[in-house]
N, C-alpha and C. Protein backbone atom coordinates (compact mmCIF):
# COMPACT_ATOMS: atom_id res chain seq x y z
N MET A 1 0.84 -1.17 0.00
CA MET A 1 0.00 0.00 0.00
C MET A 1 0.89 1.25 0.00
N ASN A 2 0.55 2.26 -0.78
CA ASN A 2 1.31 3.50 -0.86
C ASN A 2 0.98 4.41 0.32
N ASP A 3 1.99 5.04 0.89
CA ASP A 3 1.80 5.99 1.96
C ASP A 3 1.55 7.36 1.33
N THR A 4 0.40 7.95 1.59
CA THR A 4 0.06 9.25 0.98
C THR A 4 0.24 10.42 1.94
N ARG A 5 0.83 10.16 3.10
CA ARG A 5 1.09 11.25 4.04
C ARG A 5 2.19 12.16 3.51
N LEU A 6 2.09 13.43 3.86
CA LEU A 6 3.15 14.37 3.49
C LEU A 6 4.35 14.16 4.40
N PRO A 7 5.55 14.49 3.92
CA PRO A 7 6.75 14.31 4.75
C PRO A 7 6.76 15.30 5.92
N GLU A 8 7.54 14.99 6.92
CA GLU A 8 7.73 15.89 8.05
C GLU A 8 8.68 17.01 7.63
N LEU A 9 8.47 18.19 8.18
CA LEU A 9 9.36 19.32 7.92
C LEU A 9 10.32 19.44 9.09
N PRO A 10 11.61 19.33 8.85
CA PRO A 10 12.58 19.48 9.95
C PRO A 10 12.40 20.84 10.65
N SER A 11 12.62 20.86 11.96
CA SER A 11 12.38 22.08 12.75
C SER A 11 13.20 23.26 12.25
N GLY A 12 14.43 23.03 11.80
CA GLY A 12 15.23 24.12 11.26
C GLY A 12 14.61 24.75 10.03
N ASP A 13 14.00 23.91 9.20
CA ASP A 13 13.33 24.42 8.01
C ASP A 13 12.07 25.19 8.39
N GLU A 14 11.35 24.68 9.38
CA GLU A 14 10.15 25.41 9.83
C GLU A 14 10.54 26.79 10.36
N ILE A 15 11.60 26.86 11.13
CA ILE A 15 12.06 28.14 11.65
C ILE A 15 12.43 29.08 10.50
N ALA A 16 13.09 28.55 9.48
CA ALA A 16 13.48 29.37 8.32
C ALA A 16 12.26 29.91 7.59
N VAL A 17 11.24 29.07 7.39
CA VAL A 17 10.03 29.50 6.68
C VAL A 17 9.27 30.54 7.50
N ARG A 18 9.17 30.32 8.80
CA ARG A 18 8.52 31.32 9.66
C ARG A 18 9.29 32.64 9.60
N GLY A 19 10.62 32.56 9.54
CA GLY A 19 11.43 33.77 9.44
C GLY A 19 11.18 34.54 8.16
N LEU A 20 11.00 33.84 7.05
CA LEU A 20 10.67 34.51 5.79
C LEU A 20 9.38 35.31 5.93
N TYR A 21 8.38 34.66 6.51
CA TYR A 21 7.08 35.30 6.67
C TYR A 21 7.20 36.55 7.55
N ARG A 22 7.91 36.42 8.66
CA ARG A 22 8.09 37.56 9.57
C ARG A 22 8.82 38.69 8.86
N ARG A 23 9.87 38.39 8.10
CA ARG A 23 10.61 39.43 7.37
C ARG A 23 9.72 40.13 6.36
N MET A 24 8.87 39.36 5.68
CA MET A 24 7.95 39.95 4.71
C MET A 24 7.00 40.93 5.41
N LEU A 25 6.38 40.50 6.52
CA LEU A 25 5.47 41.38 7.25
C LEU A 25 6.20 42.59 7.82
N ASP A 26 7.40 42.40 8.32
CA ASP A 26 8.18 43.52 8.84
C ASP A 26 8.45 44.55 7.73
N GLY A 27 8.75 44.07 6.52
CA GLY A 27 8.95 44.97 5.39
C GLY A 27 7.70 45.78 5.10
N TRP A 28 6.54 45.11 5.15
CA TRP A 28 5.27 45.82 4.96
C TRP A 28 5.10 46.88 6.05
N ASN A 29 5.28 46.47 7.29
CA ASN A 29 5.05 47.39 8.40
C ASN A 29 6.03 48.56 8.41
N ARG A 30 7.19 48.39 7.82
CA ARG A 30 8.15 49.50 7.67
C ARG A 30 7.85 50.32 6.42
N ARG A 31 6.88 49.86 5.63
CA ARG A 31 6.50 50.54 4.38
C ARG A 31 7.70 50.58 3.42
N ASP A 32 8.35 49.44 3.28
CA ASP A 32 9.57 49.31 2.48
C ASP A 32 9.35 48.19 1.46
N GLY A 33 9.10 48.56 0.22
CA GLY A 33 8.79 47.58 -0.82
C GLY A 33 9.92 46.59 -1.05
N ALA A 34 11.16 47.05 -1.02
CA ALA A 34 12.30 46.15 -1.22
C ALA A 34 12.42 45.16 -0.07
N ALA A 35 12.19 45.62 1.16
CA ALA A 35 12.26 44.72 2.32
C ALA A 35 11.12 43.71 2.28
N PHE A 36 9.93 44.14 1.87
CA PHE A 36 8.80 43.22 1.74
C PHE A 36 9.13 42.14 0.71
N ALA A 37 9.69 42.53 -0.41
CA ALA A 37 9.96 41.60 -1.51
C ALA A 37 11.22 40.77 -1.28
N GLY A 38 12.10 41.19 -0.38
CA GLY A 38 13.37 40.52 -0.16
C GLY A 38 13.29 39.02 0.06
N PRO A 39 12.33 38.51 0.85
CA PRO A 39 12.27 37.06 1.10
C PRO A 39 11.74 36.23 -0.08
N PHE A 40 11.27 36.89 -1.14
CA PHE A 40 10.68 36.17 -2.27
C PHE A 40 11.75 35.61 -3.19
N ALA A 41 11.41 34.51 -3.85
CA ALA A 41 12.25 33.98 -4.93
C ALA A 41 12.26 35.01 -6.06
N GLU A 42 13.28 34.94 -6.89
CA GLU A 42 13.40 35.87 -8.01
C GLU A 42 12.11 35.92 -8.83
N ASP A 43 11.44 34.77 -9.01
CA ASP A 43 10.20 34.70 -9.79
C ASP A 43 8.98 34.48 -8.89
N GLY A 44 9.08 34.91 -7.61
CA GLY A 44 7.99 34.75 -6.66
C GLY A 44 6.77 35.56 -7.06
N GLU A 45 5.65 35.21 -6.46
CA GLU A 45 4.37 35.86 -6.78
C GLU A 45 3.64 36.28 -5.53
N VAL A 46 2.85 37.35 -5.68
CA VAL A 46 1.92 37.80 -4.65
C VAL A 46 0.54 37.87 -5.28
N ILE A 47 -0.43 37.27 -4.60
CA ILE A 47 -1.83 37.49 -4.97
C ILE A 47 -2.41 38.27 -3.80
N GLY A 48 -2.73 39.54 -4.07
CA GLY A 48 -3.13 40.46 -3.03
C GLY A 48 -4.55 40.25 -2.54
N TYR A 49 -4.86 40.96 -1.48
CA TYR A 49 -6.16 40.91 -0.81
C TYR A 49 -7.30 41.22 -1.78
N ASP A 50 -7.01 42.11 -2.74
CA ASP A 50 -8.04 42.51 -3.70
C ASP A 50 -8.00 41.67 -4.98
N GLY A 51 -7.15 40.65 -5.01
CA GLY A 51 -7.05 39.79 -6.18
C GLY A 51 -5.96 40.21 -7.16
N SER A 52 -5.33 41.36 -6.92
CA SER A 52 -4.26 41.79 -7.82
C SER A 52 -3.07 40.85 -7.68
N GLY A 53 -2.33 40.72 -8.75
CA GLY A 53 -1.19 39.82 -8.74
C GLY A 53 0.07 40.48 -9.25
N TYR A 54 1.20 40.09 -8.64
CA TYR A 54 2.50 40.61 -9.04
C TYR A 54 3.46 39.44 -9.13
N ARG A 55 4.23 39.39 -10.21
CA ARG A 55 5.21 38.31 -10.43
C ARG A 55 6.61 38.88 -10.53
N GLY A 56 7.50 38.28 -9.77
CA GLY A 56 8.91 38.68 -9.81
C GLY A 56 9.24 39.58 -8.64
N ARG A 57 10.36 39.28 -7.98
CA ARG A 57 10.77 40.05 -6.80
C ARG A 57 10.89 41.53 -7.12
N SER A 58 11.49 41.87 -8.26
CA SER A 58 11.67 43.29 -8.59
C SER A 58 10.33 43.98 -8.86
N VAL A 59 9.39 43.27 -9.48
CA VAL A 59 8.05 43.83 -9.73
C VAL A 59 7.32 44.03 -8.40
N ILE A 60 7.41 43.03 -7.51
CA ILE A 60 6.78 43.14 -6.20
C ILE A 60 7.35 44.35 -5.45
N ALA A 61 8.66 44.48 -5.42
CA ALA A 61 9.30 45.60 -4.72
C ALA A 61 8.85 46.94 -5.30
N ALA A 62 8.84 47.05 -6.62
CA ALA A 62 8.45 48.31 -7.26
C ALA A 62 6.98 48.64 -7.00
N GLU A 63 6.12 47.66 -7.13
CA GLU A 63 4.69 47.90 -6.94
C GLU A 63 4.39 48.27 -5.50
N LEU A 64 4.99 47.54 -4.56
CA LEU A 64 4.76 47.87 -3.14
C LEU A 64 5.36 49.23 -2.81
N GLY A 65 6.51 49.55 -3.38
CA GLY A 65 7.09 50.88 -3.18
C GLY A 65 6.14 51.98 -3.64
N ARG A 66 5.51 51.76 -4.79
CA ARG A 66 4.53 52.73 -5.32
C ARG A 66 3.33 52.85 -4.38
N ILE A 67 2.82 51.69 -3.93
CA ILE A 67 1.67 51.70 -3.03
C ILE A 67 2.01 52.44 -1.74
N PHE A 68 3.18 52.14 -1.16
CA PHE A 68 3.57 52.80 0.09
C PHE A 68 3.74 54.31 -0.10
N ALA A 69 4.22 54.73 -1.26
CA ALA A 69 4.40 56.15 -1.53
C ALA A 69 3.08 56.88 -1.71
N ASP A 70 2.07 56.16 -2.24
CA ASP A 70 0.80 56.80 -2.59
C ASP A 70 -0.32 56.63 -1.58
N HIS A 71 -0.18 55.67 -0.64
CA HIS A 71 -1.30 55.35 0.25
C HIS A 71 -0.81 55.14 1.68
N PRO A 72 -1.59 55.59 2.66
CA PRO A 72 -1.26 55.28 4.06
C PRO A 72 -1.72 53.86 4.38
N THR A 73 -0.82 52.92 4.28
CA THR A 73 -1.18 51.50 4.42
C THR A 73 -1.32 51.10 5.89
N PRO A 74 -2.28 50.21 6.19
CA PRO A 74 -2.39 49.69 7.55
C PRO A 74 -1.24 48.74 7.86
N GLY A 75 -0.97 48.55 9.14
CA GLY A 75 0.10 47.64 9.57
C GLY A 75 -0.46 46.28 9.95
N TYR A 76 0.36 45.25 9.77
CA TYR A 76 -0.05 43.87 10.05
C TYR A 76 0.24 43.43 11.48
N VAL A 77 -0.65 42.59 11.99
CA VAL A 77 -0.39 41.67 13.09
C VAL A 77 -0.77 40.30 12.54
N ALA A 78 -0.09 39.26 12.96
CA ALA A 78 -0.37 37.95 12.37
C ALA A 78 -0.06 36.83 13.35
N SER A 79 -0.68 35.69 13.09
CA SER A 79 -0.43 34.48 13.86
C SER A 79 -0.31 33.31 12.89
N VAL A 80 0.82 32.63 12.96
CA VAL A 80 1.04 31.46 12.10
C VAL A 80 0.26 30.29 12.70
N ARG A 81 -0.55 29.65 11.88
CA ARG A 81 -1.34 28.50 12.31
C ARG A 81 -0.57 27.19 12.19
N ARG A 82 0.15 27.04 11.07
CA ARG A 82 0.97 25.83 10.90
C ARG A 82 1.93 26.02 9.74
N VAL A 83 2.97 25.21 9.79
CA VAL A 83 3.94 25.12 8.70
C VAL A 83 4.12 23.64 8.45
N ARG A 84 4.01 23.24 7.19
CA ARG A 84 4.15 21.81 6.87
C ARG A 84 4.88 21.64 5.55
N ALA A 85 5.51 20.49 5.43
CA ALA A 85 6.17 20.14 4.17
C ALA A 85 5.13 19.70 3.16
N LEU A 86 5.33 20.06 1.92
CA LEU A 86 4.50 19.56 0.82
C LEU A 86 5.27 18.54 0.00
N GLY A 87 6.56 18.57 0.12
CA GLY A 87 7.47 17.67 -0.58
C GLY A 87 8.88 18.11 -0.26
N ALA A 88 9.84 17.48 -0.89
CA ALA A 88 11.24 17.84 -0.65
C ALA A 88 11.47 19.28 -1.09
N GLY A 89 11.91 20.13 -0.17
CA GLY A 89 12.22 21.52 -0.51
C GLY A 89 11.01 22.39 -0.77
N VAL A 90 9.82 21.97 -0.34
CA VAL A 90 8.61 22.77 -0.53
C VAL A 90 7.81 22.75 0.78
N ALA A 91 7.43 23.94 1.25
CA ALA A 91 6.68 24.05 2.49
C ALA A 91 5.52 25.02 2.32
N GLN A 92 4.51 24.81 3.14
CA GLN A 92 3.33 25.68 3.16
C GLN A 92 3.19 26.26 4.56
N LEU A 93 3.05 27.57 4.64
CA LEU A 93 2.78 28.26 5.88
C LEU A 93 1.37 28.81 5.80
N GLU A 94 0.60 28.58 6.85
CA GLU A 94 -0.76 29.12 6.94
C GLU A 94 -0.82 30.07 8.12
N ALA A 95 -1.37 31.26 7.90
CA ALA A 95 -1.44 32.26 8.96
C ALA A 95 -2.76 33.02 8.85
N VAL A 96 -3.10 33.69 9.94
CA VAL A 96 -4.19 34.65 9.93
C VAL A 96 -3.56 36.01 10.24
N ALA A 97 -4.12 37.04 9.65
CA ALA A 97 -3.55 38.37 9.81
C ALA A 97 -4.65 39.40 9.94
N GLY A 98 -4.35 40.41 10.71
CA GLY A 98 -5.23 41.55 10.84
C GLY A 98 -4.44 42.80 10.54
N MET A 99 -5.17 43.90 10.34
CA MET A 99 -4.50 45.15 10.00
C MET A 99 -5.04 46.29 10.86
N VAL A 100 -4.11 47.14 11.27
CA VAL A 100 -4.44 48.34 12.03
C VAL A 100 -4.21 49.52 11.09
N PRO A 101 -5.29 50.25 10.75
CA PRO A 101 -5.14 51.38 9.82
C PRO A 101 -4.15 52.42 10.33
N ALA A 102 -3.52 53.10 9.39
CA ALA A 102 -2.56 54.15 9.72
C ALA A 102 -3.22 55.17 10.65
N GLY A 103 -2.53 55.48 11.74
CA GLY A 103 -3.03 56.46 12.71
C GLY A 103 -4.02 55.90 13.72
N ALA A 104 -4.41 54.63 13.58
CA ALA A 104 -5.37 54.02 14.50
C ALA A 104 -4.65 53.13 15.50
N ARG A 105 -5.35 52.77 16.55
CA ARG A 105 -4.81 51.85 17.54
C ARG A 105 -5.57 50.54 17.56
N GLU A 106 -6.68 50.50 16.84
CA GLU A 106 -7.54 49.32 16.84
C GLU A 106 -7.52 48.63 15.48
N LEU A 107 -7.68 47.35 15.53
CA LEU A 107 -7.78 46.50 14.35
C LEU A 107 -9.03 46.85 13.55
N ASP A 108 -8.96 46.78 12.23
CA ASP A 108 -10.14 46.90 11.38
C ASP A 108 -10.55 45.49 10.97
N PRO A 109 -11.61 44.91 11.57
CA PRO A 109 -12.01 43.54 11.27
C PRO A 109 -12.31 43.29 9.79
N GLY A 110 -12.67 44.33 9.07
CA GLY A 110 -12.95 44.20 7.65
C GLY A 110 -11.70 43.89 6.83
N LEU A 111 -10.53 44.01 7.44
CA LEU A 111 -9.27 43.73 6.74
C LEU A 111 -8.63 42.42 7.18
N ASN A 112 -9.31 41.64 8.02
CA ASN A 112 -8.75 40.34 8.44
C ASN A 112 -8.55 39.46 7.22
N ALA A 113 -7.49 38.65 7.28
CA ALA A 113 -7.14 37.81 6.13
C ALA A 113 -6.60 36.46 6.58
N VAL A 114 -6.71 35.51 5.69
CA VAL A 114 -6.03 34.23 5.80
C VAL A 114 -4.92 34.29 4.77
N GLN A 115 -3.70 34.02 5.20
CA GLN A 115 -2.56 34.09 4.30
C GLN A 115 -1.92 32.72 4.17
N THR A 116 -1.60 32.37 2.93
CA THR A 116 -0.90 31.13 2.65
C THR A 116 0.38 31.49 1.91
N VAL A 117 1.48 30.94 2.41
CA VAL A 117 2.79 31.13 1.78
C VAL A 117 3.28 29.76 1.33
N ILE A 118 3.70 29.67 0.09
CA ILE A 118 4.42 28.49 -0.39
C ILE A 118 5.88 28.90 -0.49
N ALA A 119 6.72 28.17 0.24
CA ALA A 119 8.15 28.46 0.26
C ALA A 119 8.90 27.30 -0.38
N VAL A 120 10.01 27.63 -1.04
CA VAL A 120 10.81 26.61 -1.71
C VAL A 120 12.28 26.75 -1.30
N ASN A 121 12.94 25.61 -1.30
CA ASN A 121 14.38 25.59 -1.08
C ASN A 121 14.97 24.70 -2.16
N ALA A 122 15.52 25.35 -3.18
CA ALA A 122 16.11 24.62 -4.29
C ALA A 122 17.61 24.47 -4.10
N GLY A 123 18.07 24.59 -2.85
CA GLY A 123 19.49 24.42 -2.56
C GLY A 123 20.18 25.69 -2.14
N ALA A 124 19.56 26.84 -2.39
CA ALA A 124 20.19 28.12 -2.05
C ALA A 124 19.48 28.79 -0.87
N GLY A 125 18.76 28.02 -0.09
CA GLY A 125 18.03 28.58 1.05
C GLY A 125 16.56 28.78 0.72
N TRP A 126 15.78 28.94 1.76
CA TRP A 126 14.33 29.09 1.61
C TRP A 126 13.96 30.46 1.07
N ARG A 127 12.99 30.47 0.15
CA ARG A 127 12.46 31.70 -0.45
C ARG A 127 10.95 31.54 -0.60
N ILE A 128 10.24 32.65 -0.62
CA ILE A 128 8.79 32.61 -0.85
C ILE A 128 8.54 32.51 -2.35
N ALA A 129 7.80 31.48 -2.74
CA ALA A 129 7.39 31.33 -4.14
C ALA A 129 6.04 31.98 -4.37
N LEU A 130 5.17 31.95 -3.35
CA LEU A 130 3.81 32.48 -3.51
C LEU A 130 3.28 32.94 -2.17
N LEU A 131 2.67 34.12 -2.17
CA LEU A 131 1.86 34.61 -1.06
C LEU A 131 0.44 34.78 -1.59
N GLN A 132 -0.50 34.09 -0.98
CA GLN A 132 -1.92 34.24 -1.30
C GLN A 132 -2.58 34.90 -0.09
N ASN A 133 -3.19 36.04 -0.30
CA ASN A 133 -3.80 36.83 0.76
C ASN A 133 -5.31 36.84 0.51
N THR A 134 -6.08 36.16 1.36
CA THR A 134 -7.52 35.99 1.14
C THR A 134 -8.32 36.67 2.24
N PRO A 135 -9.32 37.48 1.89
CA PRO A 135 -10.16 38.08 2.94
C PRO A 135 -10.78 37.00 3.82
N ALA A 136 -10.75 37.22 5.13
CA ALA A 136 -11.34 36.28 6.10
C ALA A 136 -12.76 36.76 6.42
N ARG A 137 -13.66 36.55 5.49
CA ARG A 137 -15.03 37.06 5.64
C ARG A 137 -15.93 36.10 6.39
N TYR A 138 -15.73 34.82 6.24
CA TYR A 138 -16.54 33.81 6.93
C TYR A 138 -18.04 34.09 6.77
N ASP A 139 -18.46 34.27 5.53
CA ASP A 139 -19.84 34.64 5.23
C ASP A 139 -20.87 33.73 5.89
N LEU A 140 -20.65 32.43 5.87
CA LEU A 140 -21.63 31.49 6.41
C LEU A 140 -21.37 31.14 7.87
N ARG A 141 -20.26 31.64 8.42
CA ARG A 141 -19.91 31.38 9.83
C ARG A 141 -19.40 32.65 10.49
N PRO A 142 -20.26 33.66 10.67
CA PRO A 142 -19.80 34.91 11.26
C PRO A 142 -19.19 34.73 12.66
N ASP A 143 -19.58 33.65 13.36
CA ASP A 143 -18.99 33.38 14.67
C ASP A 143 -17.49 33.16 14.56
N LEU A 144 -17.04 32.53 13.47
CA LEU A 144 -15.61 32.32 13.26
C LEU A 144 -14.89 33.65 13.04
N GLY A 145 -15.55 34.57 12.34
CA GLY A 145 -14.98 35.90 12.13
C GLY A 145 -14.83 36.65 13.44
N THR A 146 -15.81 36.51 14.33
CA THR A 146 -15.74 37.16 15.63
C THR A 146 -14.60 36.60 16.46
N VAL A 147 -14.45 35.30 16.47
CA VAL A 147 -13.36 34.66 17.22
C VAL A 147 -12.01 35.11 16.67
N LEU A 148 -11.86 35.14 15.36
CA LEU A 148 -10.61 35.57 14.75
C LEU A 148 -10.31 37.02 15.11
N THR A 149 -11.31 37.88 15.02
CA THR A 149 -11.10 39.29 15.35
C THR A 149 -10.63 39.45 16.78
N GLU A 150 -11.21 38.72 17.71
CA GLU A 150 -10.79 38.81 19.11
C GLU A 150 -9.35 38.32 19.29
N GLU A 151 -9.00 37.24 18.60
CA GLU A 151 -7.62 36.74 18.67
C GLU A 151 -6.64 37.79 18.16
N LEU A 152 -6.96 38.42 17.03
CA LEU A 152 -6.06 39.41 16.45
C LEU A 152 -6.03 40.69 17.29
N ARG A 153 -7.16 41.06 17.89
CA ARG A 153 -7.18 42.23 18.79
C ARG A 153 -6.26 41.99 19.98
N GLU A 154 -6.23 40.76 20.47
CA GLU A 154 -5.34 40.43 21.58
C GLU A 154 -3.88 40.61 21.16
N LEU A 155 -3.55 40.25 19.92
CA LEU A 155 -2.18 40.48 19.42
C LEU A 155 -1.86 41.96 19.39
N VAL A 156 -2.81 42.77 18.95
CA VAL A 156 -2.59 44.22 18.92
C VAL A 156 -2.37 44.73 20.34
N ARG A 157 -3.18 44.25 21.30
CA ARG A 157 -3.02 44.68 22.69
C ARG A 157 -1.65 44.26 23.23
N ARG A 158 -1.23 43.04 22.90
CA ARG A 158 0.06 42.55 23.38
C ARG A 158 1.24 43.26 22.75
N TRP A 159 1.14 43.50 21.45
CA TRP A 159 2.24 44.13 20.72
C TRP A 159 2.21 45.64 20.82
N GLY A 160 1.09 46.22 21.22
CA GLY A 160 0.93 47.66 21.20
C GLY A 160 0.65 48.11 19.78
N ALA A 161 0.77 49.38 19.53
CA ALA A 161 0.53 49.90 18.19
C ALA A 161 1.51 49.27 17.22
N VAL A 162 1.06 49.02 16.02
CA VAL A 162 1.91 48.44 14.99
C VAL A 162 2.92 49.48 14.56
N GLU A 163 4.20 49.11 14.67
CA GLU A 163 5.26 50.05 14.32
C GLU A 163 5.41 50.16 12.83
N LYS A 164 5.42 51.39 12.35
CA LYS A 164 5.67 51.66 10.95
C LYS A 164 6.53 52.90 10.84
N SER A 165 7.32 52.95 9.80
CA SER A 165 8.09 54.16 9.56
C SER A 165 7.72 54.68 8.19
N GLY A 166 8.12 55.89 7.91
CA GLY A 166 7.88 56.43 6.58
C GLY A 166 6.67 57.18 6.58
């Protein structure tokens, strides 16, 4: 009988993948397009909250730089739910994220998201191949949205105001 379970992800690899995600969010919170894009593979992709897509680290950096220059972006708080191997050198990170609008101290529940990162290690270290950012609307289960909002509000309370520069 064939074993269809996914392989285990070594703890060092999990730490590396979590680090990529944290660096990406830190780049966003600093409003620095190059820092946000830095953890991505050269041909990495972002599928944004609104469905927009960007391919290539340089394109991601340039587009985020433009967005940061033109808009007061909210800052992220996030909680990683799990990191698992999908195969040799491929991992999936699942997280929930909330955003605190610029100048505010409270989370905007309308901006809650579920984020999925696919990370790859082709021998040169872990890089983000894909970030999928999905609105956490929970249309048929508003109770789940309420629970998520409370969890993310607790992160905001614990972390204080989301630090951003620029």
